[in-house]
Amino acid sequence: MSNELLAVVDERDRIIDHRPRGEIHALSLPHRAVHILVFNDGGQLLLQKRSLKKDLNKGLWDTSAAGHVDQGEDYATCAPRELEEELGVSAALTALFKLEPSPDSGMEFIQVYECRHNGPFVFAVDEIDEICWSARDEVNQRVDEDDATLTKTFKIIWRHYRAF
């Protein structure tokens, strides 16, 4: 995983190089990622608890699905791949907004998507330890209280989502 090649991008999200994932993270180089918010028909958000095997944010709750944009991909092809790989489903995705990189988001340009799906889900056990549905009010409260069990990136995304 740490040797996969990812695009390094400039301040305008233009590809300037390709480097191994581990090197990109170690050097805090700007790169690309997608995050997907999956809602059910009742309006609840699916959260994933990141595997304890992950190198970053292990054991923390995060967006429904997420991942790096691989070499040769763009955001639009990465998002459905990540949804399938992490949750075992496909769904019509709507692009919402793109966030600029920051140290709190791991220096990622993040394209955020949403979709509707009620499951069932077959999640990738090497990526995810647990999933759960959460009411929007509960998510709002956890984010407002700066819940340490949520990833920083998720809190940034959710705050932006509420304002969006």
C-alpha atoms as a PDB file:
ATOM      1  CA  MET A   1       0.000   0.000   0.000  1.00  0.00           C
ATOM      2  CA  SER A   2       2.736   2.489   0.877  1.00  0.00           C
ATOM      3  CA  ASN A   3       4.461   1.812  -2.461  1.00  0.00           C
ATOM      4  CA  GLU A   4       1.489   2.568  -4.735  1.00  0.00           C
ATOM      5  CA  LEU A   5       2.239   5.493  -7.038  1.00  0.00           C
ATOM      6  CA  LEU A   6       0.089   8.574  -6.585  1.00  0.00           C
ATOM      7  CA  ALA A   7       0.088  11.919  -8.344  1.00  0.00           C
ATOM      8  CA  VAL A   8       1.789  14.827  -6.630  1.00  0.00           C
ATOM      9  CA  VAL A   9      -0.035  18.025  -7.551  1.00  0.00           C
ATOM     10  CA  ASP A  10       0.653  21.747  -7.430  1.00  0.00           C
ATOM     11  CA  GLU A  11      -1.439  24.427  -5.702  1.00  0.00           C
ATOM     12  CA  ARG A  12      -3.900  24.376  -8.634  1.00  0.00           C
ATOM     13  CA  ASP A  13      -4.323  20.578  -8.510  1.00  0.00           C
ATOM     14  CA  ARG A  14      -2.232  19.970 -11.623  1.00  0.00           C
ATOM     15  CA  ILE A  15      -0.109  16.819 -11.706  1.00  0.00           C
ATOM     16  CA  ILE A  16       3.598  17.599 -11.410  1.00  0.00           C
ATOM     17  CA  ASP A  17       5.056  14.224 -10.399  1.00  0.00           C
ATOM     18  CA  HIS A  18       4.265  10.671  -9.302  1.00  0.00           C
ATOM     19  CA  ARG A  19       5.697   9.254  -6.094  1.00  0.00           C
ATOM     20  CA  PRO A  20       5.070   6.344  -3.733  1.00  0.00           C
ATOM     21  CA  ARG A  21       2.221   6.855  -1.263  1.00  0.00           C
ATOM     22  CA  GLY A  22       4.487   6.500   1.779  1.00  0.00           C
ATOM     23  CA  GLU A  23       6.870   9.135   0.479  1.00  0.00           C
ATOM     24  CA  ILE A  24       4.014  11.537  -0.295  1.00  0.00           C
ATOM     25  CA  HIS A  25       2.726  11.238   3.264  1.00  0.00           C
ATOM     26  CA  ALA A  26       6.171  11.412   4.859  1.00  0.00           C
ATOM     27  CA  LEU A  27       7.002  14.606   2.950  1.00  0.00           C
ATOM     28  CA  SER A  28       3.470  16.107   3.248  1.00  0.00           C
ATOM     29  CA  LEU A  29       3.211  16.556  -0.518  1.00  0.00           C
ATOM     30  CA  PRO A  30      -0.128  17.694  -1.986  1.00  0.00           C
ATOM     31  CA  HIS A  31      -2.060  14.843  -3.614  1.00  0.00           C
ATOM     32  CA  ARG A  32      -5.616  13.771  -4.462  1.00  0.00           C
ATOM     33  CA  ALA A  33      -8.317  11.831  -2.639  1.00  0.00           C
ATOM     34  CA  VAL A  34     -12.047  11.203  -2.717  1.00  0.00           C
ATOM     35  CA  HIS A  35     -14.467  10.900   0.186  1.00  0.00           C
ATOM     36  CA  ILE A  36     -18.001   9.565  -0.167  1.00  0.00           C
ATOM     37  CA  LEU A  37     -20.920  10.239   2.171  1.00  0.00           C
ATOM     38  CA  VAL A  38     -23.460   7.400   1.937  1.00  0.00           C
ATOM     39  CA  PHE A  39     -26.950   8.192   3.233  1.00  0.00           C
ATOM     40  CA  ASN A  40     -29.831   5.756   3.616  1.00  0.00           C
ATOM     41  CA  ASP A  41     -33.464   6.470   2.769  1.00  0.00           C
ATOM     42  CA  GLY A  42     -33.980   7.663   6.362  1.00  0.00           C
ATOM     43  CA  GLY A  43     -31.285  10.326   5.981  1.00  0.00           C
ATOM     44  CA  GLN A  44     -28.766   8.594   8.227  1.00  0.00           C
ATOM     45  CA  LEU A  45     -25.065   8.729   7.373  1.00  0.00           C
ATOM     46  CA  LEU A  46     -22.971   5.573   7.138  1.00  0.00           C
ATOM     47  CA  LEU A  47     -19.721   5.939   9.072  1.00  0.00           C
ATOM     48  CA  GLN A  48     -16.782   3.556   8.876  1.00  0.00           C
ATOM     49  CA  LYS A  49     -14.364   2.781  11.661  1.00  0.00           C
ATOM     50  CA  ARG A  50     -10.923   2.605  10.082  1.00  0.00           C
ATOM     51  CA  SER A  51      -9.063  -0.657  10.562  1.00  0.00           C
ATOM     52  CA  LEU A  52      -6.466  -0.875  13.294  1.00  0.00           C
ATOM     53  CA  LYS A  53      -4.181  -2.202  10.518  1.00  0.00           C
ATOM     54  CA  LYS A  54      -4.200   1.181   8.718  1.00  0.00           C
ATOM     55  CA  ASP A  55      -1.112   3.375   8.919  1.00  0.00           C
ATOM     56  CA  LEU A  56      -3.069   6.618   9.426  1.00  0.00           C
ATOM     57  CA  ASN A  57      -6.082   7.360  11.641  1.00  0.00           C
ATOM     58  CA  LYS A  58      -6.364   3.743  12.739  1.00  0.00           C
ATOM     59  CA  GLY A  59      -9.467   2.983  14.792  1.00  0.00           C
ATOM     60  CA  LEU A  60     -11.097   6.357  14.092  1.00  0.00           C
ATOM     61  CA  TRP A  61     -14.518   6.953  12.540  1.00  0.00           C
ATOM     62  CA  ASP A  62     -14.480   8.425   9.051  1.00  0.00           C
ATOM     63  CA  THR A  63     -16.586   9.073   5.954  1.00  0.00           C
ATOM     64  CA  SER A  64     -18.466   6.130   4.472  1.00  0.00           C
ATOM     65  CA  ALA A  65     -15.751   5.410   1.897  1.00  0.00           C
ATOM     66  CA  ALA A  66     -12.548   7.175   0.909  1.00  0.00           C
ATOM     67  CA  GLY A  67      -9.299   6.686  -0.897  1.00  0.00           C
ATOM     68  CA  HIS A  68      -6.454   8.092  -2.899  1.00  0.00           C
ATOM     69  CA  VAL A  69      -6.823   8.830  -6.579  1.00  0.00           C
ATOM     70  CA  ASP A  70      -4.512   6.273  -8.189  1.00  0.00           C
ATOM     71  CA  GLN A  71      -2.035   7.001 -10.929  1.00  0.00           C
ATOM     72  CA  GLY A  72      -3.918   7.321 -14.229  1.00  0.00           C
ATOM     73  CA  GLU A  73      -7.278   7.978 -12.528  1.00  0.00           C
ATOM     74  CA  ASP A  74      -9.301  11.123 -12.040  1.00  0.00           C
ATOM     75  CA  TYR A  75     -11.711  11.883  -9.207  1.00  0.00           C
ATOM     76  CA  ALA A  76     -14.759  10.668 -11.163  1.00  0.00           C
ATOM     77  CA  THR A  77     -13.279   7.224 -11.840  1.00  0.00           C
ATOM     78  CA  CYS A  78     -11.775   6.857  -8.376  1.00  0.00           C
ATOM     79  CA  ALA A  79     -14.987   7.447  -6.391  1.00  0.00           C
ATOM     80  CA  PRO A  80     -17.041   4.492  -7.722  1.00  0.00           C
ATOM     81  CA  ARG A  81     -13.993   2.236  -7.456  1.00  0.00           C
ATOM     82  CA  GLU A  82     -13.519   3.166  -3.786  1.00  0.00           C
ATOM     83  CA  LEU A  83     -17.238   2.663  -3.046  1.00  0.00           C
ATOM     84  CA  GLU A  84     -17.065  -0.821  -4.562  1.00  0.00           C
ATOM     85  CA  GLU A  85     -13.730  -1.747  -2.941  1.00  0.00           C
ATOM     86  CA  GLU A  86     -14.580  -0.540   0.553  1.00  0.00           C
ATOM     87  CA  LEU A  87     -18.319  -1.229   0.849  1.00  0.00           C
ATOM     88  CA  GLY A  88     -19.028  -3.724  -1.936  1.00  0.00           C
ATOM     89  CA  VAL A  89     -21.739  -1.610  -3.575  1.00  0.00           C
ATOM     90  CA  SER A  90     -22.303   0.681  -6.499  1.00  0.00           C
ATOM     91  CA  ALA A  91     -24.549   3.740  -6.550  1.00  0.00           C
ATOM     92  CA  ALA A  92     -25.121   6.933  -8.487  1.00  0.00           C
ATOM     93  CA  LEU A  93     -22.666   9.456  -7.066  1.00  0.00           C
ATOM     94  CA  THR A  94     -23.165  13.218  -6.927  1.00  0.00           C
ATOM     95  CA  ALA A  95     -20.077  15.427  -6.757  1.00  0.00           C
ATOM     96  CA  LEU A  96     -20.572  18.019  -4.007  1.00  0.00           C
ATOM     97  CA  PHE A  97     -17.438  20.116  -3.474  1.00  0.00           C
ATOM     98  CA  LYS A  98     -13.656  19.970  -3.523  1.00  0.00           C
ATOM     99  CA  LEU A  99     -11.531  20.946  -0.533  1.00  0.00           C
ATOM    100  CA  GLU A 100      -8.080  22.483  -0.713  1.00  0.00           C
ATOM    101  CA  PRO A 101      -5.178  20.636   0.926  1.00  0.00           C
ATOM    102  CA  SER A 102      -4.201  21.436   4.501  1.00  0.00           C
ATOM    103  CA  PRO A 103      -2.048  19.747   7.152  1.00  0.00           C
ATOM    104  CA  ASP A 104      -5.238  18.639   8.971  1.00  0.00           C
ATOM    105  CA  SER A 105      -6.485  16.854   5.853  1.00  0.00           C
ATOM    106  CA  GLY A 106      -3.144  15.208   5.084  1.00  0.00           C
ATOM    107  CA  MET A 107      -2.356  17.679   2.273  1.00  0.00           C
ATOM    108  CA  GLU A 108      -5.068  16.204   0.069  1.00  0.00           C
ATOM    109  CA  PHE A 109      -7.235  17.888  -2.508  1.00  0.00           C
ATOM    110  CA  ILE A 110     -10.461  16.132  -1.542  1.00  0.00           C
ATOM    111  CA  GLN A 111     -13.384  15.725  -3.935  1.00  0.00           C
ATOM    112  CA  VAL A 112     -16.451  14.921  -1.847  1.00  0.00           C
ATOM    113  CA  TYR A 113     -19.353  12.876  -3.224  1.00  0.00           C
ATOM    114  CA  GLU A 114     -22.644  11.683  -1.823  1.00  0.00           C
ATOM    115  CA  CYS A 115     -24.994   8.852  -2.678  1.00  0.00           C
ATOM    116  CA  ARG A 116     -28.002   6.951  -1.389  1.00  0.00           C
ATOM    117  CA  HIS A 117     -27.771   3.278  -0.494  1.00  0.00           C
ATOM    118  CA  ASN A 118     -29.458   1.173   2.172  1.00  0.00           C
ATOM    119  CA  GLY A 119     -27.070  -1.763   2.024  1.00  0.00           C
ATOM    120  CA  PRO A 120     -26.382  -4.488   2.608  1.00  0.00           C
ATOM    121  CA  PHE A 121     -22.685  -3.703   2.592  1.00  0.00           C
ATOM    122  CA  VAL A 122     -19.759  -6.081   2.363  1.00  0.00           C
ATOM    123  CA  PHE A 123     -16.943  -3.981   3.713  1.00  0.00           C
ATOM    124  CA  ALA A 124     -13.243  -4.561   3.159  1.00  0.00           C
ATOM    125  CA  VAL A 125     -11.990  -6.003   6.456  1.00  0.00           C
ATOM    126  CA  ASP A 126      -8.407  -4.890   5.763  1.00  0.00           C
ATOM    127  CA  GLU A 127      -9.676  -1.298   5.475  1.00  0.00           C
ATOM    128  CA  ILE A 128     -12.651  -1.150   7.863  1.00  0.00           C
ATOM    129  CA  ASP A 129     -13.276  -2.663  11.300  1.00  0.00           C
ATOM    130  CA  GLU A 130     -16.905  -1.612  11.661  1.00  0.00           C
ATOM    131  CA  ILE A 131     -19.678   0.421  10.044  1.00  0.00           C
ATOM    132  CA  CYS A 132     -22.732   2.095  11.564  1.00  0.00           C
ATOM    133  CA  TRP A 133     -25.587   4.388  10.634  1.00  0.00           C
ATOM    134  CA  SER A 134     -25.696   7.730  12.450  1.00  0.00           C
ATOM    135  CA  ALA A 135     -28.432  10.344  12.544  1.00  0.00           C
ATOM    136  CA  ARG A 136     -27.399  13.761  11.258  1.00  0.00           C
ATOM    137  CA  ASP A 137     -28.109  15.327  14.669  1.00  0.00           C
ATOM    138  CA  GLU A 138     -25.743  12.849  16.305  1.00  0.00           C
ATOM    139  CA  VAL A 139     -23.037  13.542  13.699  1.00  0.00           C
ATOM    140  CA  ASN A 140     -23.515  17.299  14.170  1.00  0.00           C
ATOM    141  CA  GLN A 141     -23.115  16.947  17.939  1.00  0.00           C
ATOM    142  CA  ARG A 142     -20.001  14.782  17.661  1.00  0.00           C
ATOM    143  CA  VAL A 143     -18.391  17.201  15.202  1.00  0.00           C
ATOM    144  CA  ASP A 144     -19.367  20.272  17.256  1.00  0.00           C
ATOM    145  CA  GLU A 145     -17.852  18.657  20.353  1.00  0.00           C
ATOM    146  CA  ASP A 146     -14.659  17.897  18.373  1.00  0.00           C
ATOM    147  CA  ASP A 147     -15.056  14.184  19.130  1.00  0.00           C
ATOM    148  CA  ALA A 148     -11.554  12.673  19.169  1.00  0.00           C
ATOM    149  CA  THR A 149     -12.906   9.365  17.811  1.00  0.00           C
ATOM    150  CA  LEU A 150     -13.620  11.068  14.447  1.00  0.00           C
ATOM    151  CA  THR A 151     -10.856  11.765  11.933  1.00  0.00           C
ATOM    152  CA  LYS A 152      -9.864  15.398  11.479  1.00  0.00           C
ATOM    153  CA  THR A 153     -10.614  15.056   7.788  1.00  0.00           C
ATOM    154  CA  PHE A 154     -14.155  13.839   8.452  1.00  0.00           C
ATOM    155  CA  LYS A 155     -14.809  16.798  10.769  1.00  0.00           C
ATOM    156  CA  ILE A 156     -13.548  19.218   8.087  1.00  0.00           C
ATOM    157  CA  ILE A 157     -15.735  17.554   5.454  1.00  0.00           C
ATOM    158  CA  TRP A 158     -18.835  17.493   7.662  1.00  0.00           C
ATOM    159  CA  ARG A 159     -18.494  21.167   8.636  1.00  0.00           C
ATOM    160  CA  HIS A 160     -18.184  22.082   4.976  1.00  0.00           C
ATOM    161  CA  TYR A 161     -21.085  19.784   4.065  1.00  0.00           C
ATOM    162  CA  ARG A 162     -23.375  21.487   6.590  1.00  0.00           C
ATOM    163  CA  ALA A 163     -22.498  24.902   5.139  1.00  0.00           C
ATOM    164  CA  PHE A 164     -22.792  23.652   1.537  1.00  0.00           C
END
